[in-house]
Amino acid sequence: MKLNIKQMNYDEAKQISKWIYKEPYSIYSMDGSDNCIGELLNETYFSASDEENHLIGYYCFGESAQVPVGNQFGAYECKDITDIGLGINPNLCGQGLGLKFFISGLDYARNNLSAKRFRLTVATFNKRAIKVYQKAGFKKLNSFERITETGKTDFWVMILC
């Protein structure tokens, strides 16, 4: 998979902000709001398009890739590590693109952002993603839970070993 990865632009952010994921992945859906678009344009988000310029997904790095409540549990104390987050177009999920897409993001961060070590946070119900991350060499470091009005979600923090 040859991807064109670049700084997110407004049109891409607007498109991604309207992506809706099916259950149980709906926690990754966005609401299309100006706040959501603004987050995607904060310079830590990068779009990924194929050779025909179809938007495949996005990556985010640093604090944007963290689940904020994880700070209460010390999940992100180590600062000399690059956090990575990502999203694939919901229409492409479950088609076996995950590992190649993920590795493309890691390579981009190594080559363009001087990243050396990586950490990610993933909801424990997201078994597909965990399998991809483990294939890429990530291991569980610790875990925490986020409690909201809609319920409890457990998260793993994983690092590349």
Protein backbone atom coordinates (compact mmCIF):
# COMPACT_ATOMS: atom_id res chain seq x y z
CA MET A 1 0.00 0.00 0.00
CA LYS A 2 1.63 3.22 -1.20
CA LEU A 3 0.27 6.14 0.83
CA ASN A 4 0.60 9.88 0.50
CA ILE A 5 0.89 11.09 4.11
CA LYS A 6 0.77 14.82 4.72
CA GLN A 7 -0.40 17.47 7.16
CA MET A 8 -4.20 17.35 7.48
CA ASN A 9 -6.06 20.02 5.50
CA TYR A 10 -9.52 21.47 6.08
CA ASP A 11 -11.35 19.38 3.47
CA GLU A 12 -9.83 16.15 4.82
CA ALA A 13 -10.60 17.14 8.42
CA LYS A 14 -14.21 17.91 7.49
CA GLN A 15 -14.57 14.53 5.75
CA ILE A 16 -12.98 12.58 8.62
CA SER A 17 -15.06 14.44 11.22
CA LYS A 18 -18.17 12.84 9.70
CA TRP A 19 -16.90 9.25 9.76
CA ILE A 20 -19.27 6.93 11.65
CA TYR A 21 -18.04 3.57 12.91
CA LYS A 22 -20.33 0.60 13.58
CA GLU A 23 -20.68 -0.84 17.08
CA PRO A 24 -18.68 -1.60 19.09
CA TYR A 25 -16.29 0.88 17.45
CA SER A 26 -18.67 3.85 17.68
CA ILE A 27 -16.49 5.49 20.36
CA TYR A 28 -14.17 6.36 17.46
CA SER A 29 -16.93 8.21 15.56
CA MET A 30 -16.71 11.97 15.41
CA ASP A 31 -19.54 14.50 15.39
CA GLY A 32 -18.68 16.75 12.45
CA SER A 33 -18.53 19.82 14.70
CA ASP A 34 -16.23 22.81 14.28
CA ASN A 35 -14.46 21.71 17.49
CA CYS A 36 -13.81 18.28 16.00
CA ILE A 37 -12.51 19.78 12.76
CA GLY A 38 -10.34 22.16 14.79
CA GLU A 39 -8.80 19.25 16.69
CA LEU A 40 -7.96 17.51 13.40
CA LEU A 41 -6.27 20.71 12.19
CA ASN A 42 -4.04 21.18 15.27
CA GLU A 43 -0.88 20.23 13.31
CA THR A 44 -0.47 16.82 14.98
CA TYR A 45 -2.85 15.08 12.53
CA PHE A 46 -1.78 13.75 9.15
CA SER A 47 -3.98 12.44 6.36
CA ALA A 48 -3.20 9.30 4.38
CA SER A 49 -4.46 8.95 0.81
CA ASP A 50 -3.90 6.27 -1.79
CA GLU A 51 -2.39 6.81 -5.24
CA GLU A 52 -5.81 7.86 -6.59
CA ASN A 53 -6.13 10.45 -3.80
CA HIS A 54 -8.85 8.54 -1.91
CA LEU A 55 -8.70 9.31 1.80
CA ILE A 56 -7.72 6.05 3.52
CA GLY A 57 -7.23 7.32 7.06
CA TYR A 58 -5.23 9.49 9.37
CA TYR A 59 -2.51 9.44 12.01
CA CYS A 60 -1.98 11.65 15.02
CA PHE A 61 1.11 11.99 17.16
CA GLY A 62 1.95 13.22 20.64
CA GLU A 63 -0.65 14.33 23.15
CA SER A 64 -3.42 14.12 20.53
CA ALA A 65 -2.91 10.34 20.48
CA GLN A 66 -3.41 10.00 24.24
CA VAL A 67 -6.62 9.38 26.17
CA PRO A 68 -6.59 12.34 28.60
CA VAL A 69 -7.83 10.39 31.63
CA GLY A 70 -4.74 8.18 31.30
CA ASN A 71 -2.70 11.00 32.83
CA GLN A 72 -4.51 10.42 36.15
CA PHE A 73 -3.13 6.89 36.14
CA GLY A 74 0.43 7.82 35.13
CA ALA A 75 0.03 6.16 31.74
CA TYR A 76 2.07 8.79 29.93
CA GLU A 77 4.81 9.64 32.43
CA CYS A 78 7.64 8.64 30.10
CA LYS A 79 8.10 11.71 27.88
CA ASP A 80 10.86 10.51 25.52
CA ILE A 81 8.43 8.40 23.51
CA THR A 82 6.11 9.28 20.62
CA ASP A 83 2.43 8.47 21.04
CA ILE A 84 0.68 7.38 17.85
CA GLY A 85 -3.01 7.24 17.09
CA LEU A 86 -4.76 6.39 13.86
CA GLY A 87 -8.06 5.92 12.16
CA ILE A 88 -8.99 4.09 8.98
CA ASN A 89 -11.96 5.07 6.84
CA PRO A 90 -14.87 3.08 8.34
CA ASN A 91 -15.71 1.68 4.87
CA LEU A 92 -12.26 0.06 4.78
CA CYS A 93 -12.21 -1.43 8.31
CA GLY A 94 -11.98 -5.20 8.60
CA GLN A 95 -10.43 -5.63 5.14
CA GLY A 96 -6.92 -6.57 6.29
CA LEU A 97 -5.37 -3.14 5.67
CA GLY A 98 -4.54 -2.43 9.31
CA LEU A 99 -0.98 -3.71 9.63
CA LYS A 100 0.32 -2.08 6.43
CA PHE A 101 -1.49 1.15 7.31
CA PHE A 102 -0.08 1.15 10.85
CA ILE A 103 3.48 0.43 9.73
CA SER A 104 3.23 3.25 7.16
CA GLY A 105 2.42 5.64 10.03
CA LEU A 106 5.34 4.40 12.13
CA ASP A 107 7.69 4.78 9.17
CA TYR A 108 6.38 8.29 8.47
CA ALA A 109 7.00 9.32 12.09
CA ARG A 110 10.52 7.85 12.05
CA ASN A 111 11.45 9.52 8.75
CA ASN A 112 9.70 12.88 9.12
CA LEU A 113 9.18 13.51 12.84
CA SER A 114 12.42 11.99 14.20
CA ALA A 115 10.44 9.52 16.31
CA LYS A 116 12.50 6.71 17.83
CA ARG A 117 10.24 4.97 20.38
CA PHE A 118 6.48 4.52 20.17
CA ARG A 119 3.53 4.16 22.52
CA LEU A 120 -0.18 3.83 21.78
CA THR A 121 -3.44 3.57 23.66
CA VAL A 122 -6.19 1.19 22.56
CA ALA A 123 -9.61 0.23 23.94
CA THR A 124 -9.43 -3.39 25.10
CA PHE A 125 -12.58 -4.36 23.19
CA ASN A 126 -10.79 -3.45 19.94
CA LYS A 127 -9.36 -6.92 19.43
CA ARG A 128 -8.69 -6.31 15.71
CA ALA A 129 -6.45 -3.34 16.47
CA ILE A 130 -4.68 -5.10 19.35
CA LYS A 131 -3.86 -8.00 17.03
CA VAL A 132 -2.37 -5.55 14.48
CA TYR A 133 -0.33 -3.76 17.15
CA GLN A 134 1.00 -7.05 18.52
CA LYS A 135 2.01 -8.17 15.01
CA ALA A 136 3.93 -4.88 14.70
CA GLY A 137 5.84 -5.72 17.91
CA PHE A 138 3.89 -3.74 20.52
CA LYS A 139 3.41 -5.14 24.03
CA LYS A 140 1.03 -4.13 26.81
CA LEU A 141 2.73 -1.83 29.32
CA ASN A 142 -0.18 -0.90 31.59
CA SER A 143 -3.91 -0.23 31.58
CA PHE A 144 -6.54 2.16 32.91
CA GLU A 145 -10.26 2.74 32.65
CA ARG A 146 -12.34 5.71 31.57
CA ILE A 147 -15.79 6.11 33.07
CA THR A 148 -18.34 8.31 31.29
CA GLU A 149 -22.11 8.74 31.28
CA THR A 150 -22.32 5.99 28.66
CA GLY A 151 -20.29 3.47 30.65
CA LYS A 152 -16.79 2.20 31.32
CA THR A 153 -14.06 1.59 28.75
CA ASP A 154 -10.83 -0.18 29.58
CA PHE A 155 -7.66 0.84 27.73
CA TRP A 156 -4.27 -0.72 27.24
CA VAL A 157 -1.15 1.37 26.86
CA MET A 158 1.25 -0.48 24.56
CA ILE A 159 4.88 0.19 23.61
CA LEU A 160 7.01 -0.99 20.73
CA CYS A 161 9.60 -3.39 22.08
